[in-house]
Amino acid sequence: MSDHYNEQRKSVNDRLITEIKERRNMGLKKYGVLLKDAPLSRKELLQHAKEEALDLAEYLQTLIDMEES
């Protein structure tokens, strides 16, 4: 692969890493605990993940609808 592709990919990866760190800090400030230490059951964690996935599906469908109009 080209150096240009590798630099773009690195840039994307670096941005994602930064966002993950920022969200982790935001969660820590908001909830006072890291997700791995949250007093949530496995079922509660699955439910939260499902809700996040449903939100993602709504965003994706909205973008699909915008592309079709």
C-alpha atoms as a PDB file:
ATOM      1  CA  MET A   1       0.000   0.000   0.000  1.00  0.00           C
ATOM      2  CA  SER A   2       1.121   3.533  -0.638  1.00  0.00           C
ATOM      3  CA  ASP A   3       2.684   5.788   1.950  1.00  0.00           C
ATOM      4  CA  HIS A   4      -0.171   8.256   1.385  1.00  0.00           C
ATOM      5  CA  TYR A   5      -2.738   5.574   2.253  1.00  0.00           C
ATOM      6  CA  ASN A   6      -0.783   4.596   5.349  1.00  0.00           C
ATOM      7  CA  GLU A   7      -0.583   8.240   6.475  1.00  0.00           C
ATOM      8  CA  GLN A   8      -4.330   8.739   5.958  1.00  0.00           C
ATOM      9  CA  ARG A   9      -5.090   5.543   7.836  1.00  0.00           C
ATOM     10  CA  LYS A  10      -2.770   6.547  10.656  1.00  0.00           C
ATOM     11  CA  SER A  11      -4.503   9.894  10.844  1.00  0.00           C
ATOM     12  CA  VAL A  12      -7.929   8.221  11.054  1.00  0.00           C
ATOM     13  CA  ASN A  13      -6.672   5.779  13.675  1.00  0.00           C
ATOM     14  CA  ASP A  14      -5.075   8.581  15.676  1.00  0.00           C
ATOM     15  CA  ARG A  15      -8.312  10.561  15.603  1.00  0.00           C
ATOM     16  CA  LEU A  16     -10.315   7.531  16.731  1.00  0.00           C
ATOM     17  CA  ILE A  17      -7.888   6.842  19.569  1.00  0.00           C
ATOM     18  CA  THR A  18      -8.212  10.465  20.682  1.00  0.00           C
ATOM     19  CA  GLU A  19     -12.012  10.240  20.591  1.00  0.00           C
ATOM     20  CA  ILE A  20     -12.007   7.008  22.596  1.00  0.00           C
ATOM     21  CA  LYS A  21      -9.828   8.626  25.254  1.00  0.00           C
ATOM     22  CA  GLU A  22     -12.053  11.719  25.352  1.00  0.00           C
ATOM     23  CA  ARG A  23     -15.217   9.612  25.721  1.00  0.00           C
ATOM     24  CA  ARG A  24     -13.588   7.580  28.453  1.00  0.00           C
ATOM     25  CA  ASN A  25     -12.734  10.763  30.350  1.00  0.00           C
ATOM     26  CA  MET A  26     -16.237  12.137  29.780  1.00  0.00           C
ATOM     27  CA  GLY A  27     -17.755   8.928  31.162  1.00  0.00           C
ATOM     28  CA  LEU A  28     -15.452   9.008  34.143  1.00  0.00           C
ATOM     29  CA  LYS A  29     -16.450  12.600  34.924  1.00  0.00           C
ATOM     30  CA  LYS A  30     -20.158  11.893  34.392  1.00  0.00           C
ATOM     31  CA  TYR A  31     -20.408   8.558  36.228  1.00  0.00           C
ATOM     32  CA  GLY A  32     -17.355   8.654  38.486  1.00  0.00           C
ATOM     33  CA  VAL A  33     -16.282   5.191  37.362  1.00  0.00           C
ATOM     34  CA  LEU A  34     -14.850   3.489  34.301  1.00  0.00           C
ATOM     35  CA  LEU A  35     -17.202   1.231  32.391  1.00  0.00           C
ATOM     36  CA  LYS A  36     -15.238  -1.872  33.386  1.00  0.00           C
ATOM     37  CA  ASP A  37     -15.808  -0.956  37.051  1.00  0.00           C
ATOM     38  CA  ALA A  38     -19.446   0.121  36.742  1.00  0.00           C
ATOM     39  CA  PRO A  39     -21.876  -1.704  39.004  1.00  0.00           C
ATOM     40  CA  LEU A  40     -23.801  -3.126  36.044  1.00  0.00           C
ATOM     41  CA  SER A  41     -24.751  -6.709  35.442  1.00  0.00           C
ATOM     42  CA  ARG A  42     -23.875  -8.489  32.227  1.00  0.00           C
ATOM     43  CA  LYS A  43     -27.524  -8.152  31.160  1.00  0.00           C
ATOM     44  CA  GLU A  44     -27.515  -4.407  31.852  1.00  0.00           C
ATOM     45  CA  LEU A  45     -24.325  -3.988  29.826  1.00  0.00           C
ATOM     46  CA  LEU A  46     -25.902  -5.903  26.942  1.00  0.00           C
ATOM     47  CA  GLN A  47     -29.027  -3.731  27.151  1.00  0.00           C
ATOM     48  CA  HIS A  48     -26.964  -0.527  27.046  1.00  0.00           C
ATOM     49  CA  ALA A  49     -24.974  -1.847  24.088  1.00  0.00           C
ATOM     50  CA  LYS A  50     -28.193  -2.762  22.274  1.00  0.00           C
ATOM     51  CA  GLU A  51     -29.595   0.713  22.846  1.00  0.00           C
ATOM     52  CA  GLU A  52     -26.403   2.252  21.447  1.00  0.00           C
ATOM     53  CA  ALA A  53     -26.666  -0.037  18.409  1.00  0.00           C
ATOM     54  CA  LEU A  54     -30.273   1.032  17.869  1.00  0.00           C
ATOM     55  CA  ASP A  55     -29.198   4.681  17.995  1.00  0.00           C
ATOM     56  CA  LEU A  56     -26.523   3.893  15.411  1.00  0.00           C
ATOM     57  CA  ALA A  57     -29.120   2.190  13.203  1.00  0.00           C
ATOM     58  CA  GLU A  58     -31.279   5.311  13.347  1.00  0.00           C
ATOM     59  CA  TYR A  59     -28.364   7.526  12.307  1.00  0.00           C
ATOM     60  CA  LEU A  60     -27.487   5.144   9.466  1.00  0.00           C
ATOM     61  CA  GLN A  61     -31.062   4.987   8.201  1.00  0.00           C
ATOM     62  CA  THR A  62     -31.335   8.774   8.287  1.00  0.00           C
ATOM     63  CA  LEU A  63     -28.180   9.061   6.179  1.00  0.00           C
ATOM     64  CA  ILE A  64     -29.450   6.398   3.771  1.00  0.00           C
ATOM     65  CA  ASP A  65     -32.735   8.278   3.418  1.00  0.00           C
ATOM     66  CA  MET A  66     -30.828  11.507   2.756  1.00  0.00           C
ATOM     67  CA  GLU A  67     -28.834   9.792  -0.007  1.00  0.00           C
ATOM     68  CA  GLU A  68     -32.044   8.580  -1.660  1.00  0.00           C
ATOM     69  CA  SER A  69     -33.707  11.989  -1.707  1.00  0.00           C
END
